[in-house]
C-alpha atoms as a PDB file:
ATOM      1  CA  UNK A   1      60.969  -2.824-211.806  1.00  0.00           C
ATOM      2  CA  UNK A   2      62.859  -6.015-210.869  1.00  0.00           C
ATOM      3  CA  UNK A   3      60.419  -8.934-209.763  1.00  0.00           C
ATOM      4  CA  UNK A   4      62.299  -9.294-206.595  1.00  0.00           C
ATOM      5  CA  UNK A   5      62.132  -5.994-205.573  1.00  0.00           C
ATOM      6  CA  UNK A   6      58.309  -5.871-206.449  1.00  0.00           C
ATOM      7  CA  UNK A   7      57.466  -8.668-204.264  1.00  0.00           C
ATOM      8  CA  UNK A   8      59.685  -7.146-201.302  1.00  0.00           C
ATOM      9  CA  UNK A   9      57.255  -4.044-201.601  1.00  0.00           C
ATOM     10  CA  UNK A  10      54.271  -6.162-201.521  1.00  0.00           C
ATOM     11  CA  UNK A  11      55.058  -8.156-198.646  1.00  0.00           C
ATOM     12  CA  UNK A  12      56.035  -4.730-196.804  1.00  0.00           C
ATOM     13  CA  UNK A  13      52.536  -3.338-197.778  1.00  0.00           C
ATOM     14  CA  UNK A  14      50.855  -6.478-196.422  1.00  0.00           C
ATOM     15  CA  UNK A  15      52.751  -6.045-193.041  1.00  0.00           C
ATOM     16  CA  UNK A  16      51.402  -2.511-193.142  1.00  0.00           C
ATOM     17  CA  UNK A  17      47.894  -3.825-193.651  1.00  0.00           C
ATOM     18  CA  UNK A  18      47.811  -6.416-191.024  1.00  0.00           C
ATOM     19  CA  UNK A  19      49.395  -3.935-188.396  1.00  0.00           C
ATOM     20  CA  UNK A  20      46.496  -1.483-189.190  1.00  0.00           C
ATOM     21  CA  UNK A  21      43.908  -4.340-189.094  1.00  0.00           C
ATOM     22  CA  UNK A  22      45.230  -5.691-185.720  1.00  0.00           C
ATOM     23  CA  UNK A  23      45.185  -2.136-184.187  1.00  0.00           C
ATOM     24  CA  UNK A  24      42.400  -0.809-185.846  1.00  0.00           C
ATOM     25  CA  UNK A  25      43.786   2.768-185.704  1.00  0.00           C
ATOM     26  CA  UNK A  26      46.278   4.160-188.122  1.00  0.00           C
ATOM     27  CA  UNK A  27      48.505   6.196-185.438  1.00  0.00           C
ATOM     28  CA  UNK A  28      48.765   3.207-183.281  1.00  0.00           C
ATOM     29  CA  UNK A  29      49.669   0.835-185.960  1.00  0.00           C
ATOM     30  CA  UNK A  30      52.307   3.515-187.280  1.00  0.00           C
ATOM     31  CA  UNK A  31      53.843   3.443-183.840  1.00  0.00           C
ATOM     32  CA  UNK A  32      54.100  -0.136-183.938  1.00  0.00           C
ATOM     33  CA  UNK A  33      55.789  -0.053-187.266  1.00  0.00           C
ATOM     34  CA  UNK A  34      58.111   2.686-186.238  1.00  0.00           C
ATOM     35  CA  UNK A  35      56.940   4.974-189.072  1.00  0.00           C
ATOM     36  CA  UNK A  36      54.974   8.132-189.486  1.00  0.00           C
ATOM     37  CA  UNK A  37      51.284   7.993-190.295  1.00  0.00           C
ATOM     38  CA  UNK A  38      51.216   9.886-193.691  1.00  0.00           C
ATOM     39  CA  UNK A  39      53.204   7.190-195.713  1.00  0.00           C
ATOM     40  CA  UNK A  40      51.351   4.305-193.917  1.00  0.00           C
ATOM     41  CA  UNK A  41      47.941   5.866-194.964  1.00  0.00           C
ATOM     42  CA  UNK A  42      49.262   6.172-198.630  1.00  0.00           C
ATOM     43  CA  UNK A  43      50.360   2.702-198.657  1.00  0.00           C
ATOM     44  CA  UNK A  44      46.899   1.498-197.614  1.00  0.00           C
ATOM     45  CA  UNK A  45      45.435   3.495-200.010  1.00  0.00           C
ATOM     46  CA  UNK A  46      47.514   2.108-202.752  1.00  0.00           C
ATOM     47  CA  UNK A  47      46.584  -1.426-201.638  1.00  0.00           C
ATOM     48  CA  UNK A  48      43.081  -0.797-201.822  1.00  0.00           C
ATOM     49  CA  UNK A  49      43.474   0.579-205.340  1.00  0.00           C
ATOM     50  CA  UNK A  50      45.267  -2.415-206.236  1.00  0.00           C
ATOM     51  CA  UNK A  51      42.643  -4.806-204.533  1.00  0.00           C
ATOM     52  CA  UNK A  52      39.688  -2.664-205.986  1.00  0.00           C
ATOM     53  CA  UNK A  53      37.619  -2.282-202.801  1.00  0.00           C
ATOM     54  CA  UNK A  54      37.864  -0.475-199.456  1.00  0.00           C
ATOM     55  CA  UNK A  55      39.390  -2.351-196.866  1.00  0.00           C
ATOM     56  CA  UNK A  56      38.759  -0.460-194.057  1.00  0.00           C
ATOM     57  CA  UNK A  57      35.790   1.980-192.859  1.00  0.00           C
ATOM     58  CA  UNK A  58      37.408   5.061-191.442  1.00  0.00           C
ATOM     59  CA  UNK A  59      36.017   6.879-188.455  1.00  0.00           C
ATOM     60  CA  UNK A  60      37.336   9.747-185.917  1.00  0.00           C
ATOM     61  CA  UNK A  61      38.070   7.192-183.500  1.00  0.00           C
ATOM     62  CA  UNK A  62      39.524   4.411-185.526  1.00  0.00           C
ATOM     63  CA  UNK A  63      38.938   1.936-188.428  1.00  0.00           C
ATOM     64  CA  UNK A  64      36.925  -1.221-188.947  1.00  0.00           C
ATOM     65  CA  UNK A  65      37.618  -3.954-191.381  1.00  0.00           C
ATOM     66  CA  UNK A  66      35.213  -4.309-194.266  1.00  0.00           C
ATOM     67  CA  UNK A  67      34.095  -7.717-195.658  1.00  0.00           C
ATOM     68  CA  UNK A  68      36.966  -7.399-198.270  1.00  0.00           C
ATOM     69  CA  UNK A  69      39.413  -6.528-195.468  1.00  0.00           C
ATOM     70  CA  UNK A  70      38.492  -9.488-193.369  1.00  0.00           C
ATOM     71  CA  UNK A  71      39.454 -11.910-196.296  1.00  0.00           C
ATOM     72  CA  UNK A  72      42.655 -10.180-197.057  1.00  0.00           C
ATOM     73  CA  UNK A  73      43.670 -10.153-193.393  1.00  0.00           C
ATOM     74  CA  UNK A  74      43.201 -14.092-193.417  1.00  0.00           C
ATOM     75  CA  UNK A  75      45.390 -14.385-196.632  1.00  0.00           C
ATOM     76  CA  UNK A  76      48.044 -11.805-195.655  1.00  0.00           C
ATOM     77  CA  UNK A  77      48.691 -13.495-192.297  1.00  0.00           C
ATOM     78  CA  UNK A  78      49.038 -16.728-194.148  1.00  0.00           C
ATOM     79  CA  UNK A  79      51.290 -15.276-196.786  1.00  0.00           C
ATOM     80  CA  UNK A  80      53.578 -13.379-194.379  1.00  0.00           C
ATOM     81  CA  UNK A  81      53.720 -16.696-192.321  1.00  0.00           C
ATOM     82  CA  UNK A  82      54.986 -18.471-195.059  1.00  0.00           C
ATOM     83  CA  UNK A  83      57.421 -16.025-195.950  1.00  0.00           C
ATOM     84  CA  UNK A  84      58.780 -15.922-192.598  1.00  0.00           C
ATOM     85  CA  UNK A  85      59.064 -19.803-192.755  1.00  0.00           C
ATOM     86  CA  UNK A  86      61.009 -19.322-195.724  1.00  0.00           C
ATOM     87  CA  UNK A  87      63.301 -17.003-194.487  1.00  0.00           C
ATOM     88  CA  UNK A  88      63.877 -18.812-191.302  1.00  0.00           C
ATOM     89  CA  UNK A  89      64.670 -22.189-193.224  1.00  0.00           C
ATOM     90  CA  UNK A  90      67.187 -20.224-195.491  1.00  0.00           C
ATOM     91  CA  UNK A  91      68.768 -18.856-192.285  1.00  0.00           C
ATOM     92  CA  UNK A  92      68.874 -22.191-190.766  1.00  0.00           C
ATOM     93  CA  UNK A  93      70.549 -23.713-193.908  1.00  0.00           C
ATOM     94  CA  UNK A  94      73.126 -20.929-193.732  1.00  0.00           C
ATOM     95  CA  UNK A  95      73.648 -21.779-189.968  1.00  0.00           C
ATOM     96  CA  UNK A  96      71.286 -19.530-188.162  1.00  0.00           C
ATOM     97  CA  UNK A  97      69.638 -22.393-186.098  1.00  0.00           C
ATOM     98  CA  UNK A  98      69.568 -20.776-182.689  1.00  0.00           C
ATOM     99  CA  UNK A  99      67.524 -18.115-181.109  1.00  0.00           C
ATOM    100  CA  UNK A 100      68.332 -16.974-177.638  1.00  0.00           C
ATOM    101  CA  UNK A 101      65.453 -15.805-175.640  1.00  0.00           C
ATOM    102  CA  UNK A 102      65.589 -13.415-172.642  1.00  0.00           C
ATOM    103  CA  UNK A 103      62.742 -13.638-170.047  1.00  0.00           C
ATOM    104  CA  UNK A 104      61.926 -11.412-167.316  1.00  0.00           C
ATOM    105  CA  UNK A 105      58.696 -12.288-165.585  1.00  0.00           C
ATOM    106  CA  UNK A 106      56.088 -14.989-164.763  1.00  0.00           C
ATOM    107  CA  UNK A 107      56.898 -17.722-166.866  1.00  0.00           C
ATOM    108  CA  UNK A 108      53.479 -19.398-166.212  1.00  0.00           C
ATOM    109  CA  UNK A 109      51.689 -16.472-167.996  1.00  0.00           C
ATOM    110  CA  UNK A 110      49.330 -18.476-170.229  1.00  0.00           C
ATOM    111  CA  UNK A 111      50.267 -16.033-173.267  1.00  0.00           C
ATOM    112  CA  UNK A 112      53.874 -17.308-172.635  1.00  0.00           C
ATOM    113  CA  UNK A 113      52.768 -20.746-172.861  1.00  0.00           C
ATOM    114  CA  UNK A 114      50.716 -20.131-176.177  1.00  0.00           C
ATOM    115  CA  UNK A 115      53.893 -18.276-177.665  1.00  0.00           C
ATOM    116  CA  UNK A 116      56.126 -21.047-176.763  1.00  0.00           C
ATOM    117  CA  UNK A 117      53.817 -23.841-178.273  1.00  0.00           C
ATOM    118  CA  UNK A 118      53.037 -21.856-181.475  1.00  0.00           C
ATOM    119  CA  UNK A 119      56.692 -20.802-182.095  1.00  0.00           C
ATOM    120  CA  UNK A 120      57.863 -24.691-181.860  1.00  0.00           C
ATOM    121  CA  UNK A 121      55.299 -25.280-184.394  1.00  0.00           C
ATOM    122  CA  UNK A 122      56.489 -22.828-186.603  1.00  0.00           C
ATOM    123  CA  UNK A 123      60.045 -23.497-186.211  1.00  0.00           C
ATOM    124  CA  UNK A 124      60.396 -27.217-185.192  1.00  0.00           C
ATOM    125  CA  UNK A 125      64.236 -27.353-186.354  1.00  0.00           C
ATOM    126  CA  UNK A 126      65.272 -24.192-184.598  1.00  0.00           C
ATOM    127  CA  UNK A 127      67.315 -24.621-181.250  1.00  0.00           C
ATOM    128  CA  UNK A 128      65.538 -22.133-178.688  1.00  0.00           C
ATOM    129  CA  UNK A 129      67.567 -21.115-175.798  1.00  0.00           C
ATOM    130  CA  UNK A 130      66.143 -19.244-172.677  1.00  0.00           C
ATOM    131  CA  UNK A 131      68.155 -17.065-170.507  1.00  0.00           C
ATOM    132  CA  UNK A 132      66.221 -16.070-167.204  1.00  0.00           C
ATOM    133  CA  UNK A 133      67.337 -12.768-165.704  1.00  0.00           C
ATOM    134  CA  UNK A 134      66.949 -10.988-162.415  1.00  0.00           C
ATOM    135  CA  UNK A 135      65.353  -7.555-161.927  1.00  0.00           C
ATOM    136  CA  UNK A 136      68.650  -5.380-162.310  1.00  0.00           C
ATOM    137  CA  UNK A 137      68.608  -5.955-166.273  1.00  0.00           C
ATOM    138  CA  UNK A 138      65.167  -5.257-167.884  1.00  0.00           C
ATOM    139  CA  UNK A 139      66.479  -5.968-171.383  1.00  0.00           C
ATOM    140  CA  UNK A 140      67.772  -9.381-170.181  1.00  0.00           C
ATOM    141  CA  UNK A 141      71.011  -8.987-171.580  1.00  0.00           C
ATOM    142  CA  UNK A 142      70.195  -7.283-174.984  1.00  0.00           C
ATOM    143  CA  UNK A 143      72.828  -4.611-174.508  1.00  0.00           C
ATOM    144  CA  UNK A 144      75.554  -7.174-173.765  1.00  0.00           C
ATOM    145  CA  UNK A 145      74.637  -9.345-176.462  1.00  0.00           C
ATOM    146  CA  UNK A 146      73.736 -12.124-174.535  1.00  0.00           C
ATOM    147  CA  UNK A 147      70.251 -12.790-176.202  1.00  0.00           C
ATOM    148  CA  UNK A 148      68.617 -12.288-179.588  1.00  0.00           C
ATOM    149  CA  UNK A 149      65.374 -10.835-178.136  1.00  0.00           C
ATOM    150  CA  UNK A 150      63.847 -10.163-174.879  1.00  0.00           C
ATOM    151  CA  UNK A 151      60.307 -10.920-173.442  1.00  0.00           C
ATOM    152  CA  UNK A 152      60.083  -8.281-170.491  1.00  0.00           C
ATOM    153  CA  UNK A 153      58.281  -5.526-169.071  1.00  0.00           C
ATOM    154  CA  UNK A 154      58.824  -1.756-170.032  1.00  0.00           C
ATOM    155  CA  UNK A 155      59.422   1.099-169.081  1.00  0.00           C
ATOM    156  CA  UNK A 156      63.297   1.204-169.515  1.00  0.00           C
ATOM    157  CA  UNK A 157      65.959   2.823-171.678  1.00  0.00           C
ATOM    158  CA  UNK A 158      65.003   2.112-175.379  1.00  0.00           C
ATOM    159  CA  UNK A 159      68.253   3.510-176.808  1.00  0.00           C
ATOM    160  CA  UNK A 160      69.192   1.563-179.844  1.00  0.00           C
ATOM    161  CA  UNK A 161      66.413  -0.795-179.034  1.00  0.00           C
ATOM    162  CA  UNK A 162      63.093  -1.534-181.040  1.00  0.00           C
ATOM    163  CA  UNK A 163      60.228  -2.338-178.680  1.00  0.00           C
ATOM    164  CA  UNK A 164      56.885  -4.020-179.339  1.00  0.00           C
ATOM    165  CA  UNK A 165      54.091  -3.732-176.752  1.00  0.00           C
ATOM    166  CA  UNK A 166      52.189  -6.935-176.581  1.00  0.00           C
ATOM    167  CA  UNK A 167      49.890  -6.451-173.423  1.00  0.00           C
ATOM    168  CA  UNK A 168      49.324  -3.705-170.762  1.00  0.00           C
ATOM    169  CA  UNK A 169      48.467  -5.056-166.977  1.00  0.00           C
ATOM    170  CA  UNK A 170      47.147  -3.092-164.277  1.00  0.00           C
ATOM    171  CA  UNK A 171      49.479  -2.873-161.295  1.00  0.00           C
ATOM    172  CA  UNK A 172      48.930  -3.609-157.537  1.00  0.00           C
ATOM    173  CA  UNK A 173      50.927  -3.202-154.225  1.00  0.00           C
ATOM    174  CA  UNK A 174      52.012  -6.212-152.554  1.00  0.00           C
ATOM    175  CA  UNK A 175      51.500  -6.115-148.730  1.00  0.00           C
ATOM    176  CA  UNK A 176      51.566  -8.952-146.001  1.00  0.00           C
ATOM    177  CA  UNK A 177      48.062 -10.204-145.497  1.00  0.00           C
ATOM    178  CA  UNK A 178      47.950  -8.930-141.983  1.00  0.00           C
ATOM    179  CA  UNK A 179      49.025  -5.455-143.075  1.00  0.00           C
ATOM    180  CA  UNK A 180      46.241  -2.773-142.152  1.00  0.00           C
ATOM    181  CA  UNK A 181      46.015  -1.682-145.769  1.00  0.00           C
ATOM    182  CA  UNK A 182      45.445  -5.114-146.893  1.00  0.00           C
ATOM    183  CA  UNK A 183      41.657  -5.040-146.403  1.00  0.00           C
ATOM    184  CA  UNK A 184      41.312  -2.043-148.747  1.00  0.00           C
ATOM    185  CA  UNK A 185      39.561  -2.699-152.145  1.00  0.00           C
ATOM    186  CA  UNK A 186      42.239  -0.302-154.027  1.00  0.00           C
ATOM    187  CA  UNK A 187      44.899   2.171-152.809  1.00  0.00           C
ATOM    188  CA  UNK A 188      46.684   5.206-154.152  1.00  0.00           C
ATOM    189  CA  UNK A 189      50.408   5.788-154.166  1.00  0.00           C
ATOM    190  CA  UNK A 190      49.823   8.475-151.652  1.00  0.00           C
ATOM    191  CA  UNK A 191      48.496   5.966-149.242  1.00  0.00           C
ATOM    192  CA  UNK A 192      52.028   4.467-149.490  1.00  0.00           C
ATOM    193  CA  UNK A 193      54.329   7.383-148.800  1.00  0.00           C
ATOM    194  CA  UNK A 194      55.500   6.695-145.297  1.00  0.00           C
ATOM    195  CA  UNK A 195      56.427   2.977-146.204  1.00  0.00           C
ATOM    196  CA  UNK A 196      59.604   1.449-147.060  1.00  0.00           C
ATOM    197  CA  UNK A 197      59.948   0.020-150.605  1.00  0.00           C
ATOM    198  CA  UNK A 198      62.352  -2.298-152.146  1.00  0.00           C
ATOM    199  CA  UNK A 199      65.067  -0.954-154.273  1.00  0.00           C
ATOM    200  CA  UNK A 200      67.303  -2.223-157.195  1.00  0.00           C
ATOM    201  CA  UNK A 201      71.271  -2.228-157.004  1.00  0.00           C
ATOM    202  CA  UNK A 202      72.989   0.692-157.867  1.00  0.00           C
ATOM    203  CA  UNK A 203      73.480   0.803-161.739  1.00  0.00           C
ATOM    204  CA  UNK A 204      70.138  -0.446-162.567  1.00  0.00           C
ATOM    205  CA  UNK A 205      68.354   1.334-165.333  1.00  0.00           C
ATOM    206  CA  UNK A 206      66.969   4.675-163.762  1.00  0.00           C
ATOM    207  CA  UNK A 207      63.883   4.592-165.941  1.00  0.00           C
ATOM    208  CA  UNK A 208      62.836   1.056-164.696  1.00  0.00           C
ATOM    209  CA  UNK A 209      63.782   1.831-161.161  1.00  0.00           C
ATOM    210  CA  UNK A 210      61.693   4.758-161.062  1.00  0.00           C
ATOM    211  CA  UNK A 211      58.499   3.009-162.426  1.00  0.00           C
ATOM    212  CA  UNK A 212      58.660   0.277-159.750  1.00  0.00           C
ATOM    213  CA  UNK A 213      59.079   2.877-157.088  1.00  0.00           C
ATOM    214  CA  UNK A 214      56.082   4.767-158.274  1.00  0.00           C
ATOM    215  CA  UNK A 215      57.807   7.607-159.666  1.00  0.00           C
ATOM    216  CA  UNK A 216      59.384   8.877-156.382  1.00  0.00           C
ATOM    217  CA  UNK A 217      62.687   8.329-154.639  1.00  0.00           C
ATOM    218  CA  UNK A 218      62.244   5.803-152.061  1.00  0.00           C
ATOM    219  CA  UNK A 219      64.012   4.007-149.143  1.00  0.00           C
ATOM    220  CA  UNK A 220      64.196   0.286-148.310  1.00  0.00           C
ATOM    221  CA  UNK A 221      65.987  -2.880-148.734  1.00  0.00           C
ATOM    222  CA  UNK A 222      67.946  -3.790-152.021  1.00  0.00           C
ATOM    223  CA  UNK A 223      66.625  -6.739-153.892  1.00  0.00           C
ATOM    224  CA  UNK A 224      67.626  -8.416-157.288  1.00  0.00           C
ATOM    225  CA  UNK A 225      64.836 -11.151-157.812  1.00  0.00           C
ATOM    226  CA  UNK A 226      61.113 -11.577-157.336  1.00  0.00           C
ATOM    227  CA  UNK A 227      61.570 -14.001-154.466  1.00  0.00           C
ATOM    228  CA  UNK A 228      63.869 -11.587-152.574  1.00  0.00           C
ATOM    229  CA  UNK A 229      61.060  -8.827-152.935  1.00  0.00           C
ATOM    230  CA  UNK A 230      58.655 -11.099-151.434  1.00  0.00           C
ATOM    231  CA  UNK A 231      60.624 -11.892-148.570  1.00  0.00           C
ATOM    232  CA  UNK A 232      61.415  -8.627-148.051  1.00  0.00           C
ATOM    233  CA  UNK A 233      57.518  -7.988-147.806  1.00  0.00           C
ATOM    234  CA  UNK A 234      57.250 -10.831-145.389  1.00  0.00           C
ATOM    235  CA  UNK A 235      60.132 -10.104-142.983  1.00  0.00           C
ATOM    236  CA  UNK A 236      60.382  -6.293-143.175  1.00  0.00           C
ATOM    237  CA  UNK A 237      56.734  -5.090-144.061  1.00  0.00           C
ATOM    238  CA  UNK A 238      58.326  -3.740-147.373  1.00  0.00           C
ATOM    239  CA  UNK A 239      55.882  -2.904-149.892  1.00  0.00           C
ATOM    240  CA  UNK A 240      56.586  -3.538-153.643  1.00  0.00           C
ATOM    241  CA  UNK A 241      54.448  -3.468-156.997  1.00  0.00           C
ATOM    242  CA  UNK A 242      53.481  -6.146-159.131  1.00  0.00           C
ATOM    243  CA  UNK A 243      51.218  -6.666-162.072  1.00  0.00           C
ATOM    244  CA  UNK A 244      47.872  -7.822-161.131  1.00  0.00           C
ATOM    245  CA  UNK A 245      46.575 -11.557-162.060  1.00  0.00           C
ATOM    246  CA  UNK A 246      49.472 -13.664-160.730  1.00  0.00           C
ATOM    247  CA  UNK A 247      48.748 -15.938-157.657  1.00  0.00           C
ATOM    248  CA  UNK A 248      50.734 -15.391-154.658  1.00  0.00           C
ATOM    249  CA  UNK A 249      50.677 -17.415-151.420  1.00  0.00           C
ATOM    250  CA  UNK A 250      48.136 -16.739-148.675  1.00  0.00           C
ATOM    251  CA  UNK A 251      50.686 -14.770-146.626  1.00  0.00           C
ATOM    252  CA  UNK A 252      50.345 -12.033-149.413  1.00  0.00           C
ATOM    253  CA  UNK A 253      47.756  -9.469-150.685  1.00  0.00           C
ATOM    254  CA  UNK A 254      47.793  -7.620-153.748  1.00  0.00           C
ATOM    255  CA  UNK A 255      45.687  -4.408-153.729  1.00  0.00           C
ATOM    256  CA  UNK A 256      45.071  -2.349-157.066  1.00  0.00           C
ATOM    257  CA  UNK A 257      46.483   0.876-157.473  1.00  0.00           C
ATOM    258  CA  UNK A 258      44.233   3.353-159.018  1.00  0.00           C
ATOM    259  CA  UNK A 259      47.044   6.067-160.074  1.00  0.00           C
ATOM    260  CA  UNK A 260      49.676   3.616-161.057  1.00  0.00           C
ATOM    261  CA  UNK A 261      50.231   3.464-164.971  1.00  0.00           C
ATOM    262  CA  UNK A 262      49.798  -0.112-166.340  1.00  0.00           C
ATOM    263  CA  UNK A 263      52.778  -2.414-166.601  1.00  0.00           C
ATOM    264  CA  UNK A 264      53.660  -2.976-170.188  1.00  0.00           C
ATOM    265  CA  UNK A 265      54.821  -6.601-171.551  1.00  0.00           C
ATOM    266  CA  UNK A 266      56.898  -5.975-174.549  1.00  0.00           C
ATOM    267  CA  UNK A 267      59.197  -7.922-177.082  1.00  0.00           C
ATOM    268  CA  UNK A 268      62.523  -6.112-177.364  1.00  0.00           C
ATOM    269  CA  UNK A 269      65.317  -6.514-179.768  1.00  0.00           C
ATOM    270  CA  UNK A 270      68.370  -4.628-181.068  1.00  0.00           C
ATOM    271  CA  UNK A 271      67.664  -1.877-183.533  1.00  0.00           C
ATOM    272  CA  UNK A 272      68.442  -2.902-187.046  1.00  0.00           C
ATOM    273  CA  UNK A 273      68.690  -6.732-186.120  1.00  0.00           C
ATOM    274  CA  UNK A 274      67.134  -8.286-189.402  1.00  0.00           C
ATOM    275  CA  UNK A 275      67.296 -11.862-188.195  1.00  0.00           C
ATOM    276  CA  UNK A 276      63.992 -13.658-189.527  1.00  0.00           C
ATOM    277  CA  UNK A 277      63.649 -15.635-186.406  1.00  0.00           C
ATOM    278  CA  UNK A 278      63.223 -12.361-184.634  1.00  0.00           C
ATOM    279  CA  UNK A 279      60.729 -11.149-186.992  1.00  0.00           C
ATOM    280  CA  UNK A 280      58.633 -14.510-186.667  1.00  0.00           C
ATOM    281  CA  UNK A 281      58.810 -14.545-183.001  1.00  0.00           C
ATOM    282  CA  UNK A 282      57.395 -10.782-182.810  1.00  0.00           C
ATOM    283  CA  UNK A 283      54.619 -11.827-184.947  1.00  0.00           C
ATOM    284  CA  UNK A 284      53.792 -15.125-183.107  1.00  0.00           C
ATOM    285  CA  UNK A 285      54.082 -13.160-179.653  1.00  0.00           C
ATOM    286  CA  UNK A 286      51.803 -10.472-180.907  1.00  0.00           C
ATOM    287  CA  UNK A 287      49.075 -13.021-181.667  1.00  0.00           C
ATOM    288  CA  UNK A 288      49.699 -15.091-178.445  1.00  0.00           C
ATOM    289  CA  UNK A 289      49.085 -12.091-176.216  1.00  0.00           C
ATOM    290  CA  UNK A 290      46.125 -10.793-178.304  1.00  0.00           C
ATOM    291  CA  UNK A 291      43.854 -13.732-177.195  1.00  0.00           C
END
C-alpha cells in the first residue's frame, strides 16, 4: 500500500475515533460522519487492535472512554489540527486565502465569539468575510454560491447540503410584556392558536417557515429581519418564536414553549466541497459550541 494512501486512511480513522469520543455514542457519531454504523464500528475495532488496548467501554446506552482512549483523544485532536493547518497553508499558497461565512442568528452568542477567536488563531493568514443574511434564506446564500459555509439554524431543505449540528436551544414565544400570557411560566402552542403570527415572504423555504410557525399554517404580517419581528410584536401584538437565552428589551417577554422542538444551531456547507478551510471551521465550531 502506498505510504500516502496509508496516511490518508489513518487520518480518516482518527476522525472517526474523535467523532465517537465526542458523541459518546456510535449511532450519533455515524450520523455526524454521514456514514452507516457498521463500518464505523469496524474501523474503531481495527484501531483498537492497532493500539493494542480498548478505547471505549461499551454499554447499551452509549460508550465511555477508557484511560487509553482519553490519551489518544488528546493526541488525535492535536494531529488532526496539525493536518488541517497543513492543508490550509497549502491551499493558501495555491491561492485559496478567503473563507466567506454566512451568519443567521445572534452574533453576540458567546460560542460564536469563541469560534471567531479560535479560528483566527488557527488561520491567522486567512481573510474571513462575513455575510449577514435575513430570515428569508436560512442557508445564508449557500445555494446561490455567495458563501462557503453558513452558521445558521435548522430545519430547512438540506438537499445537496451537509449539515453538522452544533447545539440545540429550547424555544419560547415572544410577547409584549403587557400581554395577558406574559405572566405565565410556560405555554403550549395550543395557547397561541387564536393569535396572529409573523410570516416570511413568499418563496421562503417551506420547511423553515413551518418550523417558525409551530408546524401549522398561520396568518400575520410579513417580516424579513429579527428587528421587523420584534416591531410586529410591539406594534401589532403579533406572536413569534425565538430561542431562549437571548436578551430582549424590557418591552418584551419570552415564555418557554413546552411542546416546541428545540432550535438547532448548525454549520452547513455544499455537499462534496473539500475546501480544507471548511473542514477546519467545522472542527473549531464543534469545539466552540461544546463548551
